[in-house]
Amino acid sequence: MVEVYLIALNSSESSPGNFVVVLEEIISKKRMAITIGGYEAQAIAISLERMQLPRPMLHDIFKNTIAELGGTLI
């Protein structure tokens, strides 16, 4: 596994309605851009802004359920 940081989250100029996530590897400083959909970008932005929503998002429910059952996500 390689640890990375989120460097940028921007709208995609070449693919309207999609977004680009830029990740940077901690040690080598190599960067990689990944195109994602609008819903995924919104979920990432909500987390980055530490927004509190009135109810959990689906991926949060899955994560919490796995944790309550004693499992872990890597």
PDB file of N, CA and C in Angstrom:
ATOM      1  N   MET A   1       0.829  -1.179   0.000  1.00  0.00           N
ATOM      2  CA  MET A   1       0.000   0.000   0.000  1.00  0.00           C
ATOM      3  C   MET A   1       0.873   1.242   0.000  1.00  0.00           C
ATOM      4  N   VAL A   2       0.321   2.300  -0.566  1.00  0.00           N
ATOM      5  CA  VAL A   2       1.020   3.572  -0.649  1.00  0.00           C
ATOM      6  C   VAL A   2       0.110   4.644  -0.063  1.00  0.00           C
ATOM      7  N   GLU A   3       0.635   5.427   0.863  1.00  0.00           N
ATOM      8  CA  GLU A   3      -0.151   6.495   1.470  1.00  0.00           C
ATOM      9  C   GLU A   3      -0.115   7.730   0.578  1.00  0.00           C
ATOM     10  N   VAL A   4      -1.282   8.329   0.357  1.00  0.00           N
ATOM     11  CA  VAL A   4      -1.386   9.513  -0.491  1.00  0.00           C
ATOM     12  C   VAL A   4      -2.195  10.589   0.218  1.00  0.00           C
ATOM     13  N   TYR A   5      -2.013  11.810  -0.234  1.00  0.00           N
ATOM     14  CA  TYR A   5      -2.801  12.947   0.221  1.00  0.00           C
ATOM     15  C   TYR A   5      -3.657  13.445  -0.931  1.00  0.00           C
ATOM     16  N   LEU A   6      -4.804  13.980  -0.599  1.00  0.00           N
ATOM     17  CA  LEU A   6      -5.654  14.630  -1.589  1.00  0.00           C
ATOM     18  C   LEU A   6      -5.103  16.034  -1.799  1.00  0.00           C
ATOM     19  N   ILE A   7      -4.699  16.323  -3.018  1.00  0.00           N
ATOM     20  CA  ILE A   7      -4.102  17.621  -3.338  1.00  0.00           C
ATOM     21  C   ILE A   7      -5.153  18.585  -3.891  1.00  0.00           C
ATOM     22  N   ALA A   8      -6.056  18.068  -4.744  1.00  0.00           N
ATOM     23  CA  ALA A   8      -7.037  18.947  -5.371  1.00  0.00           C
ATOM     24  C   ALA A   8      -8.301  18.183  -5.741  1.00  0.00           C
ATOM     25  N   LEU A   9      -9.400  18.905  -5.760  1.00  0.00           N
ATOM     26  CA  LEU A   9     -10.689  18.402  -6.234  1.00  0.00           C
ATOM     27  C   LEU A   9     -11.284  19.505  -7.086  1.00  0.00           C
ATOM     28  N   ASN A  10     -11.318  19.287  -8.407  1.00  0.00           N
ATOM     29  CA  ASN A  10     -11.764  20.319  -9.343  1.00  0.00           C
ATOM     30  C   ASN A  10     -12.728  19.738 -10.363  1.00  0.00           C
ATOM     31  N   SER A  11     -13.530  20.617 -10.963  1.00  0.00           N
ATOM     32  CA  SER A  11     -14.399  20.164 -12.045  1.00  0.00           C
ATOM     33  C   SER A  11     -13.545  19.829 -13.262  1.00  0.00           C
ATOM     34  N   SER A  12     -14.027  18.868 -14.040  1.00  0.00           N
ATOM     35  CA  SER A  12     -13.290  18.413 -15.220  1.00  0.00           C
ATOM     36  C   SER A  12     -13.666  19.255 -16.427  1.00  0.00           C
ATOM     37  N   GLU A  13     -12.670  19.809 -17.090  1.00  0.00           N
ATOM     38  CA  GLU A  13     -12.931  20.598 -18.295  1.00  0.00           C
ATOM     39  C   GLU A  13     -13.237  19.694 -19.486  1.00  0.00           C
ATOM     40  N   SER A  14     -12.637  18.510 -19.518  1.00  0.00           N
ATOM     41  CA  SER A  14     -12.807  17.622 -20.668  1.00  0.00           C
ATOM     42  C   SER A  14     -14.037  16.727 -20.548  1.00  0.00           C
ATOM     43  N   SER A  15     -14.615  16.633 -19.361  1.00  0.00           N
ATOM     44  CA  SER A  15     -15.765  15.762 -19.145  1.00  0.00           C
ATOM     45  C   SER A  15     -16.793  16.489 -18.275  1.00  0.00           C
ATOM     46  N   PRO A  16     -17.669  17.269 -18.900  1.00  0.00           N
ATOM     47  CA  PRO A  16     -18.654  18.050 -18.135  1.00  0.00           C
ATOM     48  C   PRO A  16     -19.478  17.179 -17.192  1.00  0.00           C
ATOM     49  N   GLY A  17     -19.684  17.665 -15.965  1.00  0.00           N
ATOM     50  CA  GLY A  17     -20.439  16.924 -14.968  1.00  0.00           C
ATOM     51  C   GLY A  17     -19.583  16.020 -14.110  1.00  0.00           C
ATOM     52  N   ASN A  18     -18.335  15.841 -14.508  1.00  0.00           N
ATOM     53  CA  ASN A  18     -17.403  15.029 -13.730  1.00  0.00           C
ATOM     54  C   ASN A  18     -16.371  15.924 -13.051  1.00  0.00           C
ATOM     55  N   PHE A  19     -15.616  15.316 -12.152  1.00  0.00           N
ATOM     56  CA  PHE A  19     -14.606  16.041 -11.394  1.00  0.00           C
ATOM     57  C   PHE A  19     -13.297  15.280 -11.432  1.00  0.00           C
ATOM     58  N   VAL A  20     -12.219  15.977 -11.115  1.00  0.00           N
ATOM     59  CA  VAL A  20     -10.889  15.369 -11.081  1.00  0.00           C
ATOM     60  C   VAL A  20     -10.343  15.471  -9.667  1.00  0.00           C
ATOM     61  N   VAL A  21      -9.879  14.332  -9.150  1.00  0.00           N
ATOM     62  CA  VAL A  21      -9.222  14.273  -7.849  1.00  0.00           C
ATOM     63  C   VAL A  21      -7.731  14.085  -8.130  1.00  0.00           C
ATOM     64  N   VAL A  22      -6.902  14.905  -7.511  1.00  0.00           N
ATOM     65  CA  VAL A  22      -5.452  14.765  -7.663  1.00  0.00           C
ATOM     66  C   VAL A  22      -4.896  14.255  -6.343  1.00  0.00           C
ATOM     67  N   LEU A  23      -4.212  13.105  -6.412  1.00  0.00           N
ATOM     68  CA  LEU A  23      -3.598  12.483  -5.243  1.00  0.00           C
ATOM     69  C   LEU A  23      -2.087  12.578  -5.363  1.00  0.00           C
ATOM     70  N   GLU A  24      -1.409  12.766  -4.224  1.00  0.00           N
ATOM     71  CA  GLU A  24       0.053  12.839  -4.218  1.00  0.00           C
ATOM     72  C   GLU A  24       0.616  11.833  -3.229  1.00  0.00           C
ATOM     73  N   GLU A  25       1.556  11.008  -3.700  1.00  0.00           N
ATOM     74  CA  GLU A  25       2.212  10.045  -2.826  1.00  0.00           C
ATOM     75  C   GLU A  25       3.117  10.794  -1.857  1.00  0.00           C
ATOM     76  N   ILE A  26       3.100  10.388  -0.601  1.00  0.00           N
ATOM     77  CA  ILE A  26       3.827  11.112   0.442  1.00  0.00           C
ATOM     78  C   ILE A  26       5.335  11.066   0.230  1.00  0.00           C
ATOM     79  N   ILE A  27       5.890   9.898  -0.053  1.00  0.00           N
ATOM     80  CA  ILE A  27       7.349   9.754  -0.132  1.00  0.00           C
ATOM     81  C   ILE A  27       7.917  10.264  -1.453  1.00  0.00           C
ATOM     82  N   SER A  28       7.398   9.770  -2.568  1.00  0.00           N
ATOM     83  CA  SER A  28       7.990  10.109  -3.869  1.00  0.00           C
ATOM     84  C   SER A  28       7.462  11.415  -4.454  1.00  0.00           C
ATOM     85  N   LYS A  29       6.360  11.913  -3.919  1.00  0.00           N
ATOM     86  CA  LYS A  29       5.710  13.136  -4.409  1.00  0.00           C
ATOM     87  C   LYS A  29       5.117  12.955  -5.817  1.00  0.00           C
ATOM     88  N   LYS A  30       4.989  11.709  -6.280  1.00  0.00           N
ATOM     89  CA  LYS A  30       4.331  11.459  -7.561  1.00  0.00           C
ATOM     90  C   LYS A  30       2.862  11.800  -7.416  1.00  0.00           C
ATOM     91  N   ARG A  31       2.277  12.311  -8.504  1.00  0.00           N
ATOM     92  CA  ARG A  31       0.871  12.689  -8.478  1.00  0.00           C
ATOM     93  C   ARG A  31       0.085  11.883  -9.499  1.00  0.00           C
ATOM     94  N   MET A  32      -1.193  11.670  -9.180  1.00  0.00           N
ATOM     95  CA  MET A  32      -2.077  10.945 -10.075  1.00  0.00           C
ATOM     96  C   MET A  32      -3.434  11.623 -10.054  1.00  0.00           C
ATOM     97  N   ALA A  33      -4.008  11.816 -11.247  1.00  0.00           N
ATOM     98  CA  ALA A  33      -5.331  12.412 -11.371  1.00  0.00           C
ATOM     99  C   ALA A  33      -6.343  11.313 -11.689  1.00  0.00           C
ATOM    100  N   ILE A  34      -7.495  11.367 -11.024  1.00  0.00           N
ATOM    101  CA  ILE A  34      -8.557  10.387 -11.231  1.00  0.00           C
ATOM    102  C   ILE A  34      -9.846  11.156 -11.508  1.00  0.00           C
ATOM    103  N   THR A  35     -10.571  10.761 -12.551  1.00  0.00           N
ATOM    104  CA  THR A  35     -11.856  11.369 -12.858  1.00  0.00           C
ATOM    105  C   THR A  35     -12.948  10.638 -12.083  1.00  0.00           C
ATOM    106  N   ILE A  36     -13.804  11.405 -11.407  1.00  0.00           N
ATOM    107  CA  ILE A  36     -14.897  10.825 -10.618  1.00  0.00           C
ATOM    108  C   ILE A  36     -16.200  11.541 -10.962  1.00  0.00           C
ATOM    109  N   GLY A  37     -17.299  10.954 -10.554  1.00  0.00           N
ATOM    110  CA  GLY A  37     -18.615  11.544 -10.802  1.00  0.00           C
ATOM    111  C   GLY A  37     -18.960  12.629  -9.802  1.00  0.00           C
ATOM    112  N   GLY A  38     -20.032  13.313 -10.086  1.00  0.00           N
ATOM    113  CA  GLY A  38     -20.477  14.416  -9.245  1.00  0.00           C
ATOM    114  C   GLY A  38     -20.859  14.005  -7.837  1.00  0.00           C
ATOM    115  N   TYR A  39     -21.521  12.849  -7.687  1.00  0.00           N
ATOM    116  CA  TYR A  39     -21.928  12.392  -6.358  1.00  0.00           C
ATOM    117  C   TYR A  39     -20.710  12.045  -5.500  1.00  0.00           C
ATOM    118  N   GLU A  40     -19.717  11.416  -6.112  1.00  0.00           N
ATOM    119  CA  GLU A  40     -18.497  11.081  -5.383  1.00  0.00           C
ATOM    120  C   GLU A  40     -17.743  12.347  -4.976  1.00  0.00           C
ATOM    121  N   ALA A  41     -17.690  13.309  -5.883  1.00  0.00           N
ATOM    122  CA  ALA A  41     -17.027  14.584  -5.571  1.00  0.00           C
ATOM    123  C   ALA A  41     -17.741  15.304  -4.430  1.00  0.00           C
ATOM    124  N   GLN A  42     -19.070  15.245  -4.442  1.00  0.00           N
ATOM    125  CA  GLN A  42     -19.842  15.883  -3.377  1.00  0.00           C
ATOM    126  C   GLN A  42     -19.550  15.225  -2.025  1.00  0.00           C
ATOM    127  N   ALA A  43     -19.473  13.901  -1.993  1.00  0.00           N
ATOM    128  CA  ALA A  43     -19.180  13.196  -0.743  1.00  0.00           C
ATOM    129  C   ALA A  43     -17.786  13.558  -0.224  1.00  0.00           C
ATOM    130  N   ILE A  44     -16.813  13.667  -1.121  1.00  0.00           N
ATOM    131  CA  ILE A  44     -15.456  14.046  -0.717  1.00  0.00           C
ATOM    132  C   ILE A  44     -15.453  15.484  -0.190  1.00  0.00           C
ATOM    133  N   ALA A  45     -16.127  16.388  -0.891  1.00  0.00           N
ATOM    134  CA  ALA A  45     -16.170  17.793  -0.470  1.00  0.00           C
ATOM    135  C   ALA A  45     -16.838  17.941   0.894  1.00  0.00           C
ATOM    136  N   ILE A  46     -17.900  17.195   1.143  1.00  0.00           N
ATOM    137  CA  ILE A  46     -18.583  17.241   2.442  1.00  0.00           C
ATOM    138  C   ILE A  46     -17.625  16.823   3.550  1.00  0.00           C
ATOM    139  N   SER A  47     -16.857  15.768   3.296  1.00  0.00           N
ATOM    140  CA  SER A  47     -15.893  15.299   4.291  1.00  0.00           C
ATOM    141  C   SER A  47     -14.780  16.320   4.509  1.00  0.00           C
ATOM    142  N   LEU A  48     -14.260  16.891   3.433  1.00  0.00           N
ATOM    143  CA  LEU A  48     -13.182  17.879   3.546  1.00  0.00           C
ATOM    144  C   LEU A  48     -13.623  19.117   4.319  1.00  0.00           C
ATOM    145  N   GLU A  49     -14.852  19.522   4.118  1.00  0.00           N
ATOM    146  CA  GLU A  49     -15.382  20.703   4.792  1.00  0.00           C
ATOM    147  C   GLU A  49     -15.898  20.402   6.190  1.00  0.00           C
ATOM    148  N   ARG A  50     -15.853  19.118   6.574  1.00  0.00           N
ATOM    149  CA  ARG A  50     -16.328  18.663   7.885  1.00  0.00           C
ATOM    150  C   ARG A  50     -17.774  19.101   8.143  1.00  0.00           C
ATOM    151  N   MET A  51     -18.584  19.003   7.098  1.00  0.00           N
ATOM    152  CA  MET A  51     -19.989  19.375   7.207  1.00  0.00           C
ATOM    153  C   MET A  51     -20.761  18.289   7.950  1.00  0.00           C
ATOM    154  N   GLN A  52     -21.714  18.697   8.749  1.00  0.00           N
ATOM    155  CA  GLN A  52     -22.592  17.773   9.463  1.00  0.00           C
ATOM    156  C   GLN A  52     -23.933  17.738   8.730  1.00  0.00           C
ATOM    157  N   LEU A  53     -24.259  16.599   8.159  1.00  0.00           N
ATOM    158  CA  LEU A  53     -25.521  16.443   7.449  1.00  0.00           C
ATOM    159  C   LEU A  53     -26.595  15.952   8.414  1.00  0.00           C
ATOM    160  N   PRO A  54     -27.875  16.203   8.097  1.00  0.00           N
ATOM    161  CA  PRO A  54     -28.943  15.773   8.995  1.00  0.00           C
ATOM    162  C   PRO A  54     -29.043  14.253   9.132  1.00  0.00           C
ATOM    163  N   ARG A  55     -28.541  13.521   8.155  1.00  0.00           N
ATOM    164  CA  ARG A  55     -28.531  12.059   8.250  1.00  0.00           C
ATOM    165  C   ARG A  55     -27.266  11.547   7.564  1.00  0.00           C
ATOM    166  N   PRO A  56     -26.797  10.349   7.930  1.00  0.00           N
ATOM    167  CA  PRO A  56     -25.546   9.841   7.355  1.00  0.00           C
ATOM    168  C   PRO A  56     -25.701   9.463   5.883  1.00  0.00           C
ATOM    169  N   MET A  57     -24.596   9.551   5.157  1.00  0.00           N
ATOM    170  CA  MET A  57     -24.585   9.109   3.771  1.00  0.00           C
ATOM    171  C   MET A  57     -24.427   7.589   3.752  1.00  0.00           C
ATOM    172  N   LEU A  58     -24.792   6.963   2.643  1.00  0.00           N
ATOM    173  CA  LEU A  58     -24.808   5.509   2.555  1.00  0.00           C
ATOM    174  C   LEU A  58     -23.449   4.887   2.877  1.00  0.00           C
ATOM    175  N   HIS A  59     -22.367   5.474   2.376  1.00  0.00           N
ATOM    176  CA  HIS A  59     -21.048   4.900   2.644  1.00  0.00           C
ATOM    177  C   HIS A  59     -20.689   4.998   4.135  1.00  0.00           C
ATOM    178  N   ASP A  60     -21.197   6.015   4.825  1.00  0.00           N
ATOM    179  CA  ASP A  60     -20.974   6.122   6.274  1.00  0.00           C
ATOM    180  C   ASP A  60     -21.731   5.026   7.023  1.00  0.00           C
ATOM    181  N   ILE A  61     -22.943   4.713   6.568  1.00  0.00           N
ATOM    182  CA  ILE A  61     -23.721   3.636   7.186  1.00  0.00           C
ATOM    183  C   ILE A  61     -23.001   2.299   7.022  1.00  0.00           C
ATOM    184  N   PHE A  62     -22.482   2.033   5.817  1.00  0.00           N
ATOM    185  CA  PHE A  62     -21.734   0.792   5.590  1.00  0.00           C
ATOM    186  C   PHE A  62     -20.500   0.712   6.479  1.00  0.00           C
ATOM    187  N   LYS A  63     -19.746   1.808   6.560  1.00  0.00           N
ATOM    188  CA  LYS A  63     -18.527   1.837   7.375  1.00  0.00           C
ATOM    189  C   LYS A  63     -18.849   1.584   8.841  1.00  0.00           C
ATOM    190  N   ASN A  64     -19.882   2.239   9.332  1.00  0.00           N
ATOM    191  CA  ASN A  64     -20.268   2.071  10.735  1.00  0.00           C
ATOM    192  C   ASN A  64     -20.776   0.662  11.015  1.00  0.00           C
ATOM    193  N   THR A  65     -21.508   0.085  10.082  1.00  0.00           N
ATOM    194  CA  THR A  65     -22.011  -1.280  10.248  1.00  0.00           C
ATOM    195  C   THR A  65     -20.864  -2.278  10.302  1.00  0.00           C
ATOM    196  N   ILE A  66     -19.903  -2.130   9.408  1.00  0.00           N
ATOM    197  CA  ILE A  66     -18.733  -3.015   9.405  1.00  0.00           C
ATOM    198  C   ILE A  66     -17.971  -2.897  10.718  1.00  0.00           C
ATOM    199  N   ALA A  67     -17.801  -1.669  11.205  1.00  0.00           N
ATOM    200  CA  ALA A  67     -17.093  -1.453  12.457  1.00  0.00           C
ATOM    201  C   ALA A  67     -17.850  -2.084  13.637  1.00  0.00           C
ATOM    202  N   GLU A  68     -19.175  -1.936  13.666  1.00  0.00           N
ATOM    203  CA  GLU A  68     -19.972  -2.513  14.748  1.00  0.00           C
ATOM    204  C   GLU A  68     -19.922  -4.042  14.757  1.00  0.00           C
ATOM    205  N   LEU A  69     -19.711  -4.633  13.579  1.00  0.00           N
ATOM    206  CA  LEU A  69     -19.603  -6.080  13.482  1.00  0.00           C
ATOM    207  C   LEU A  69     -18.186  -6.585  13.739  1.00  0.00           C
ATOM    208  N   GLY A  70     -17.272  -5.663  14.059  1.00  0.00           N
ATOM    209  CA  GLY A  70     -15.900  -6.039  14.390  1.00  0.00           C
ATOM    210  C   GLY A  70     -14.964  -6.057  13.188  1.00  0.00           C
ATOM    211  N   GLY A  71     -15.415  -5.621  12.038  1.00  0.00           N
ATOM    212  CA  GLY A  71     -14.569  -5.614  10.852  1.00  0.00           C
ATOM    213  C   GLY A  71     -13.799  -4.317  10.722  1.00  0.00           C
ATOM    214  N   THR A  72     -12.869  -4.301   9.804  1.00  0.00           N
ATOM    215  CA  THR A  72     -12.089  -3.093   9.532  1.00  0.00           C
ATOM    216  C   THR A  72     -11.991  -2.865   8.032  1.00  0.00           C
ATOM    217  N   LEU A  73     -11.836  -1.634   7.653  1.00  0.00           N
ATOM    218  CA  LEU A  73     -11.611  -1.254   6.264  1.00  0.00           C
ATOM    219  C   LEU A  73     -10.188  -0.759   6.140  1.00  0.00           C
ATOM    220  N   ILE A  74      -9.558  -1.126   5.058  1.00  0.00           N
ATOM    221  CA  ILE A  74      -8.173  -0.688   4.837  1.00  0.00           C
ATOM    222  C   ILE A  74      -8.159   0.365   3.756  1.00  0.00           C
TER     223      ILE A  74
END
